[in-house]
């Protein structure tokens, strides 16, 4: 082939431009990855204590039923006292709001999948991780619906692992002690990066009109919350890299409204009023805020921490939680 200066000069110029574009793209990607990993948090756990009234938790200035949450855990992180469920105040709708960042009227019996894909699915897909990196662990079997969606583009795709109800089969109600022991085993074995745990004892005893047992349930779940945080701090993988959100899916009627603590499910302030305790390496400590953040803000804040896109969420990142 004869040397052609003009042709070879154009070819050389094209190669230089392509190489420059490649290097620019590489640097840009590296920068984006750096932004995504700007937080210390690598793991997130959401503990949902099902259905206590705010009047028996942070609405009681003595904290007699939640000494660990109020005096040990909250001081290590941020307490959001104005936290709300602004959607349907039942178990499945409340948990769906947490998982999808969208309020939805959904059957409360576990017979209906959420309309929208969850934070678990978005996280696993974007990070290209297998199902053991995200878990739904629940005392209530009906919450197995959190692991999937009726959305035709997402259904049966990028599903998290689950252990819900009796023997983890998505059936009936399992005791919280069993759920906690199974949760701890799963956390130790798989160290999932994103986990939701549900405890039912408070809610079930309330519905059965068992006041003493309802109060004892609050005390028991308070102990489990502390046990979970202690486990995180002592685990060689989770320690100093894990954010824990402790919240409720709904509250209950105040005394004098309908049947009081026995039920929930309407728009009353008792049913809407819940709490959020948020602890982790990227959050402030010894901080109380009154801002009326809500359930749908949890998943958006998790997406910020773990660096994945979650565009369907109607919530907001709870910026007041973060250290400056």
Protein backbone atom coordinates (compact mmCIF):
# COMPACT_ATOMS: atom_id res chain seq x y z
CA UNK A 1 0.00 0.00 0.00
CA UNK A 2 1.36 3.39 -0.99
CA UNK A 3 1.79 6.08 1.64
CA UNK A 4 -0.96 8.72 1.39
CA UNK A 5 -0.33 11.62 3.72
CA UNK A 6 -3.85 13.05 3.69
CA UNK A 7 -5.52 9.65 4.17
CA UNK A 8 -3.12 8.53 6.91
CA UNK A 9 -3.33 11.89 8.67
CA UNK A 10 -7.14 11.60 8.85
CA UNK A 11 -6.84 8.03 10.14
CA UNK A 12 -4.38 9.08 12.83
CA UNK A 13 -6.61 12.00 13.84
CA UNK A 14 -9.61 9.68 14.14
CA UNK A 15 -7.67 7.27 16.33
CA UNK A 16 -6.53 10.10 18.61
CA UNK A 17 -10.10 11.36 18.99
CA UNK A 18 -11.37 7.89 19.78
CA UNK A 19 -8.64 7.35 22.34
CA UNK A 20 -9.34 10.74 23.93
CA UNK A 21 -13.06 9.94 24.13
CA UNK A 22 -12.31 6.58 25.73
CA UNK A 23 -10.04 8.16 28.35
CA UNK A 24 -12.62 10.88 29.07
CA UNK A 25 -15.35 8.26 29.43
CA UNK A 26 -13.15 6.22 31.77
CA UNK A 27 -12.39 9.22 33.94
CA UNK A 28 -16.04 10.27 34.02
CA UNK A 29 -17.12 6.78 35.05
CA UNK A 30 -14.49 6.69 37.76
CA UNK A 31 -15.72 10.05 39.04
CA UNK A 32 -19.31 8.87 39.04
CA UNK A 33 -18.36 5.77 40.98
CA UNK A 34 -16.52 7.90 43.46
CA UNK A 35 -19.64 10.03 44.00
CA UNK A 36 -21.73 6.89 44.47
CA UNK A 37 -19.39 5.60 47.17
CA UNK A 38 -18.99 8.84 49.07
CA UNK A 39 -20.77 7.38 52.11
CA UNK A 40 -19.31 4.97 54.63
CA UNK A 41 -22.50 2.91 54.59
CA UNK A 42 -22.23 -0.36 52.65
CA UNK A 43 -25.10 -2.21 54.31
CA UNK A 44 -28.62 -1.16 55.31
CA UNK A 45 -31.10 -2.92 57.59
CA UNK A 46 -34.68 -1.74 58.16
CA UNK A 47 -36.35 -3.07 61.32
CA UNK A 48 -40.13 -2.60 61.28
CA UNK A 49 -41.83 -2.98 64.67
CA UNK A 50 -45.41 -3.62 63.67
CA UNK A 51 -48.09 -1.32 65.04
CA UNK A 52 -47.27 0.28 68.42
CA UNK A 53 -49.05 3.49 69.35
CA UNK A 54 -46.87 6.55 69.69
CA UNK A 55 -48.45 7.09 73.13
CA UNK A 56 -46.68 3.97 74.39
CA UNK A 57 -43.36 4.73 72.66
CA UNK A 58 -41.81 8.15 72.09
CA UNK A 59 -45.04 9.93 73.05
CA UNK A 60 -44.50 8.74 76.62
CA UNK A 61 -41.88 10.93 78.27
CA UNK A 62 -40.96 8.19 80.74
CA UNK A 63 -40.02 5.75 77.94
CA UNK A 64 -41.03 2.98 80.32
CA UNK A 65 -41.71 0.49 77.53
CA UNK A 66 -38.83 1.43 75.21
CA UNK A 67 -35.82 2.12 77.47
CA UNK A 68 -33.33 0.76 74.93
CA UNK A 69 -34.69 2.68 71.96
CA UNK A 70 -35.01 5.93 73.87
CA UNK A 71 -31.94 5.88 76.12
CA UNK A 72 -29.38 3.79 74.25
CA UNK A 73 -30.17 3.67 70.53
CA UNK A 74 -31.70 7.05 69.71
CA UNK A 75 -28.83 8.98 71.35
CA UNK A 76 -26.42 7.21 68.99
CA UNK A 77 -28.34 8.44 65.96
CA UNK A 78 -31.27 10.56 64.87
CA UNK A 79 -34.82 10.37 66.25
CA UNK A 80 -37.49 11.66 63.86
CA UNK A 81 -40.42 12.46 66.15
CA UNK A 82 -42.70 13.84 63.44
CA UNK A 83 -42.54 10.67 61.38
CA UNK A 84 -45.77 9.63 59.63
CA UNK A 85 -47.53 7.03 57.57
CA UNK A 86 -49.47 9.24 55.18
CA UNK A 87 -50.95 6.34 53.26
CA UNK A 88 -53.18 3.43 54.21
CA UNK A 89 -52.48 2.57 57.84
CA UNK A 90 -52.50 -1.22 57.61
CA UNK A 91 -49.60 -3.68 57.63
CA UNK A 92 -49.13 -4.53 53.96
CA UNK A 93 -49.74 -1.02 52.64
CA UNK A 94 -47.35 0.38 55.27
CA UNK A 95 -44.58 -2.06 54.38
CA UNK A 96 -45.18 -1.52 50.65
CA UNK A 97 -44.70 2.22 51.21
CA UNK A 98 -41.33 1.50 52.82
CA UNK A 99 -40.21 -0.94 50.13
CA UNK A 100 -41.41 0.93 47.02
CA UNK A 101 -41.41 4.57 48.06
CA UNK A 102 -45.03 4.82 46.88
CA UNK A 103 -48.28 4.76 48.86
CA UNK A 104 -50.66 2.17 47.47
CA UNK A 105 -54.09 0.83 48.36
CA UNK A 106 -53.24 -2.85 48.45
CA UNK A 107 -55.01 -5.82 49.98
CA UNK A 108 -53.85 -6.44 53.52
CA UNK A 109 -54.11 -10.23 53.33
CA UNK A 110 -51.04 -10.94 51.20
CA UNK A 111 -53.11 -11.83 48.13
CA UNK A 112 -52.01 -8.86 46.06
CA UNK A 113 -48.55 -7.88 44.83
CA UNK A 114 -47.43 -4.24 44.90
CA UNK A 115 -47.99 -2.26 41.72
CA UNK A 116 -44.45 -0.93 41.78
CA UNK A 117 -41.07 -2.68 41.92
CA UNK A 118 -39.19 -2.40 45.18
CA UNK A 119 -35.93 -0.89 46.30
CA UNK A 120 -34.62 -4.47 46.52
CA UNK A 121 -35.21 -5.06 42.81
CA UNK A 122 -33.74 -1.74 41.70
CA UNK A 123 -30.72 -2.28 43.94
CA UNK A 124 -29.99 -5.83 42.78
CA UNK A 125 -30.41 -4.94 39.12
CA UNK A 126 -28.24 -1.85 39.11
CA UNK A 127 -25.49 -3.41 41.22
CA UNK A 128 -25.70 -6.73 39.32
CA UNK A 129 -25.98 -8.74 42.53
CA UNK A 130 -27.64 -12.07 43.22
CA UNK A 131 -30.70 -12.53 45.41
CA UNK A 132 -28.76 -13.30 48.60
CA UNK A 133 -27.65 -9.67 48.77
CA UNK A 134 -31.17 -8.46 49.62
CA UNK A 135 -33.67 -10.08 52.01
CA UNK A 136 -37.23 -9.69 53.26
CA UNK A 137 -37.52 -11.39 56.67
CA UNK A 138 -40.91 -11.18 58.38
CA UNK A 139 -42.91 -12.70 61.20
CA UNK A 140 -45.99 -12.16 59.04
CA UNK A 141 -46.08 -14.55 56.10
CA UNK A 142 -48.25 -12.23 54.05
CA UNK A 143 -45.33 -9.81 53.74
CA UNK A 144 -43.69 -12.14 51.25
CA UNK A 145 -45.42 -9.94 48.63
CA UNK A 146 -42.69 -7.35 49.25
CA UNK A 147 -40.29 -9.51 47.26
CA UNK A 148 -42.15 -9.12 43.94
CA UNK A 149 -44.39 -6.81 41.94
CA UNK A 150 -47.27 -6.97 39.46
CA UNK A 151 -45.41 -4.54 37.15
CA UNK A 152 -45.02 -6.54 33.92
CA UNK A 153 -41.49 -5.29 33.25
CA UNK A 154 -40.23 -6.18 36.73
CA UNK A 155 -42.33 -9.15 37.83
CA UNK A 156 -40.15 -12.14 38.76
CA UNK A 157 -37.04 -10.11 37.92
CA UNK A 158 -34.18 -9.25 40.29
CA UNK A 159 -36.05 -10.69 43.26
CA UNK A 160 -34.63 -10.54 46.77
CA UNK A 161 -34.46 -13.61 48.96
CA UNK A 162 -37.17 -13.99 51.57
CA UNK A 163 -37.99 -15.78 54.81
CA UNK A 164 -41.52 -14.87 55.82
CA UNK A 165 -43.94 -16.52 58.22
CA UNK A 166 -43.88 -20.08 59.50
CA UNK A 167 -40.79 -21.91 58.19
CA UNK A 168 -40.19 -18.97 55.86
CA UNK A 169 -42.83 -20.20 53.44
CA UNK A 170 -44.92 -17.03 53.26
CA UNK A 171 -47.67 -18.63 55.36
CA UNK A 172 -49.34 -17.64 58.63
CA UNK A 173 -47.66 -15.83 61.49
CA UNK A 174 -44.38 -16.88 63.11
CA UNK A 175 -43.26 -15.82 66.58
CA UNK A 176 -40.84 -12.93 66.80
CA UNK A 177 -38.25 -14.99 68.68
CA UNK A 178 -38.14 -17.43 65.78
CA UNK A 179 -38.00 -14.59 63.27
CA UNK A 180 -35.12 -12.91 65.09
CA UNK A 181 -33.12 -16.14 65.34
CA UNK A 182 -33.62 -16.83 61.63
CA UNK A 183 -32.77 -13.24 60.78
CA UNK A 184 -29.54 -13.45 62.73
CA UNK A 185 -28.61 -16.70 60.97
CA UNK A 186 -29.28 -15.12 57.56
CA UNK A 187 -27.29 -12.01 58.43
CA UNK A 188 -24.34 -14.08 59.66
CA UNK A 189 -24.35 -16.41 56.64
CA UNK A 190 -25.03 -14.03 53.77
CA UNK A 191 -24.31 -10.53 55.11
CA UNK A 192 -26.89 -9.07 52.73
CA UNK A 193 -26.40 -5.48 51.76
CA UNK A 194 -30.10 -4.56 52.03
CA UNK A 195 -32.49 -6.21 54.51
CA UNK A 196 -35.97 -5.58 55.89
CA UNK A 197 -37.07 -7.33 59.09
CA UNK A 198 -40.65 -7.31 60.44
CA UNK A 199 -41.70 -8.11 64.03
CA UNK A 200 -45.42 -8.68 64.68
CA UNK A 201 -45.88 -9.20 68.44
CA UNK A 202 -47.11 -5.70 69.30
CA UNK A 203 -49.70 -5.56 66.54
CA UNK A 204 -51.11 -9.06 67.09
CA UNK A 205 -51.63 -8.56 70.84
CA UNK A 206 -53.30 -5.24 70.19
CA UNK A 207 -55.80 -6.80 67.83
CA UNK A 208 -56.55 -9.49 70.40
CA UNK A 209 -57.35 -6.82 73.01
CA UNK A 210 -54.59 -8.06 75.30
CA UNK A 211 -53.32 -4.88 76.90
CA UNK A 212 -50.64 -6.40 79.12
CA UNK A 213 -49.33 -8.58 76.31
CA UNK A 214 -49.40 -5.59 73.95
CA UNK A 215 -47.20 -3.63 76.36
CA UNK A 216 -44.94 -6.63 76.85
CA UNK A 217 -44.63 -6.88 73.08
CA UNK A 218 -43.34 -3.32 72.95
CA UNK A 219 -40.78 -4.20 75.62
CA UNK A 220 -39.75 -7.36 73.79
CA UNK A 221 -39.27 -5.65 70.44
CA UNK A 222 -37.34 -2.90 72.20
CA UNK A 223 -34.92 -5.58 73.42
CA UNK A 224 -34.67 -7.08 69.94
CA UNK A 225 -33.84 -3.69 68.45
CA UNK A 226 -30.92 -3.36 70.86
CA UNK A 227 -29.83 -6.96 70.19
CA UNK A 228 -29.79 -6.25 66.45
CA UNK A 229 -27.67 -3.12 66.86
CA UNK A 230 -25.28 -4.93 69.20
CA UNK A 231 -24.98 -7.74 66.64
CA UNK A 232 -24.16 -5.22 63.92
CA UNK A 233 -21.49 -3.53 66.04
CA UNK A 234 -19.80 -6.83 66.91
CA UNK A 235 -19.87 -8.34 63.43
CA UNK A 236 -16.56 -7.99 61.59
CA UNK A 237 -18.26 -7.23 58.27
CA UNK A 238 -21.17 -5.04 59.40
CA UNK A 239 -19.41 -2.97 62.07
CA UNK A 240 -18.98 0.71 61.18
CA UNK A 241 -20.39 0.11 57.68
CA UNK A 242 -24.07 -0.45 58.44
CA UNK A 243 -27.03 1.90 58.72
CA UNK A 244 -30.05 0.76 60.74
CA UNK A 245 -33.53 2.25 60.39
CA UNK A 246 -36.02 1.34 63.14
CA UNK A 247 -39.61 2.32 62.45
CA UNK A 248 -43.27 1.21 62.38
CA UNK A 249 -45.67 0.50 59.54
CA UNK A 250 -48.59 2.23 61.29
CA UNK A 251 -49.83 3.35 64.70
CA UNK A 252 -53.17 2.66 66.42
CA UNK A 253 -56.27 4.53 67.54
CA UNK A 254 -55.85 6.66 70.63
CA UNK A 255 -58.15 6.05 73.59
CA UNK A 256 -61.59 7.52 72.94
CA UNK A 257 -61.41 6.95 69.18
CA UNK A 258 -63.35 3.91 67.99
CA UNK A 259 -62.05 0.86 69.90
CA UNK A 260 -58.77 2.45 71.01
CA UNK A 261 -55.56 0.45 70.93
CA UNK A 262 -57.29 -2.65 69.56
CA UNK A 263 -57.44 -1.43 65.95
CA UNK A 264 -56.00 0.87 63.33
CA UNK A 265 -56.55 1.68 59.68
CA UNK A 266 -58.11 5.12 59.28
CA UNK A 267 -56.73 8.64 58.93
CA UNK A 268 -56.68 9.47 62.64
CA UNK A 269 -53.53 10.97 64.13
CA UNK A 270 -52.97 7.86 66.24
CA UNK A 271 -52.82 5.63 63.17
CA UNK A 272 -50.60 8.02 61.23
CA UNK A 273 -48.13 8.84 64.05
CA UNK A 274 -45.08 6.59 64.16
CA UNK A 275 -41.35 7.10 64.82
CA UNK A 276 -38.04 6.64 63.06
CA UNK A 277 -34.70 6.00 64.72
CA UNK A 278 -31.81 6.10 62.25
CA UNK A 279 -28.30 5.04 63.19
CA UNK A 280 -25.23 4.68 61.03
CA UNK A 281 -21.78 5.98 60.14
CA UNK A 282 -23.14 8.74 57.90
CA UNK A 283 -25.82 10.04 60.26
CA UNK A 284 -25.70 12.55 63.08
CA UNK A 285 -25.78 11.41 66.69
CA UNK A 286 -27.74 12.64 69.69
CA UNK A 287 -30.12 14.49 67.38
CA UNK A 288 -33.90 14.90 67.53
CA UNK A 289 -35.81 16.42 64.63
CA UNK A 290 -39.50 17.24 64.36
CA UNK A 291 -39.73 17.36 60.57
CA UNK A 292 -42.70 15.39 59.27
CA UNK A 293 -40.80 12.93 57.15
CA UNK A 294 -42.76 9.85 56.15
CA UNK A 295 -42.52 6.17 55.25
CA UNK A 296 -41.87 6.74 51.56
CA UNK A 297 -38.74 8.73 52.43
CA UNK A 298 -36.94 5.67 53.82
CA UNK A 299 -36.26 3.96 50.48
CA UNK A 300 -35.17 7.21 48.84
CA UNK A 301 -32.67 7.77 51.63
CA UNK A 302 -31.45 4.18 51.31
CA UNK A 303 -30.91 4.67 47.57
CA UNK A 304 -28.81 7.72 48.36
CA UNK A 305 -26.72 5.79 50.89
CA UNK A 306 -26.13 2.73 48.71
CA UNK A 307 -25.72 4.67 45.49
CA UNK A 308 -28.44 3.32 43.22
CA UNK A 309 -31.14 5.01 41.19
CA UNK A 310 -34.71 4.67 42.47
CA UNK A 311 -36.74 6.95 40.21
CA UNK A 312 -40.20 5.57 41.05
CA UNK A 313 -40.03 6.68 44.69
CA UNK A 314 -42.31 9.56 45.62
CA UNK A 315 -40.24 10.22 48.73
CA UNK A 316 -37.34 12.49 49.45
CA UNK A 317 -33.84 12.01 50.82
CA UNK A 318 -33.94 12.88 54.54
CA UNK A 319 -31.01 15.27 54.38
CA UNK A 320 -31.35 16.35 58.01
CA UNK A 321 -30.17 12.91 59.10
CA UNK A 322 -26.76 13.25 57.47
CA UNK A 323 -23.57 14.57 58.95
CA UNK A 324 -22.37 17.70 57.16
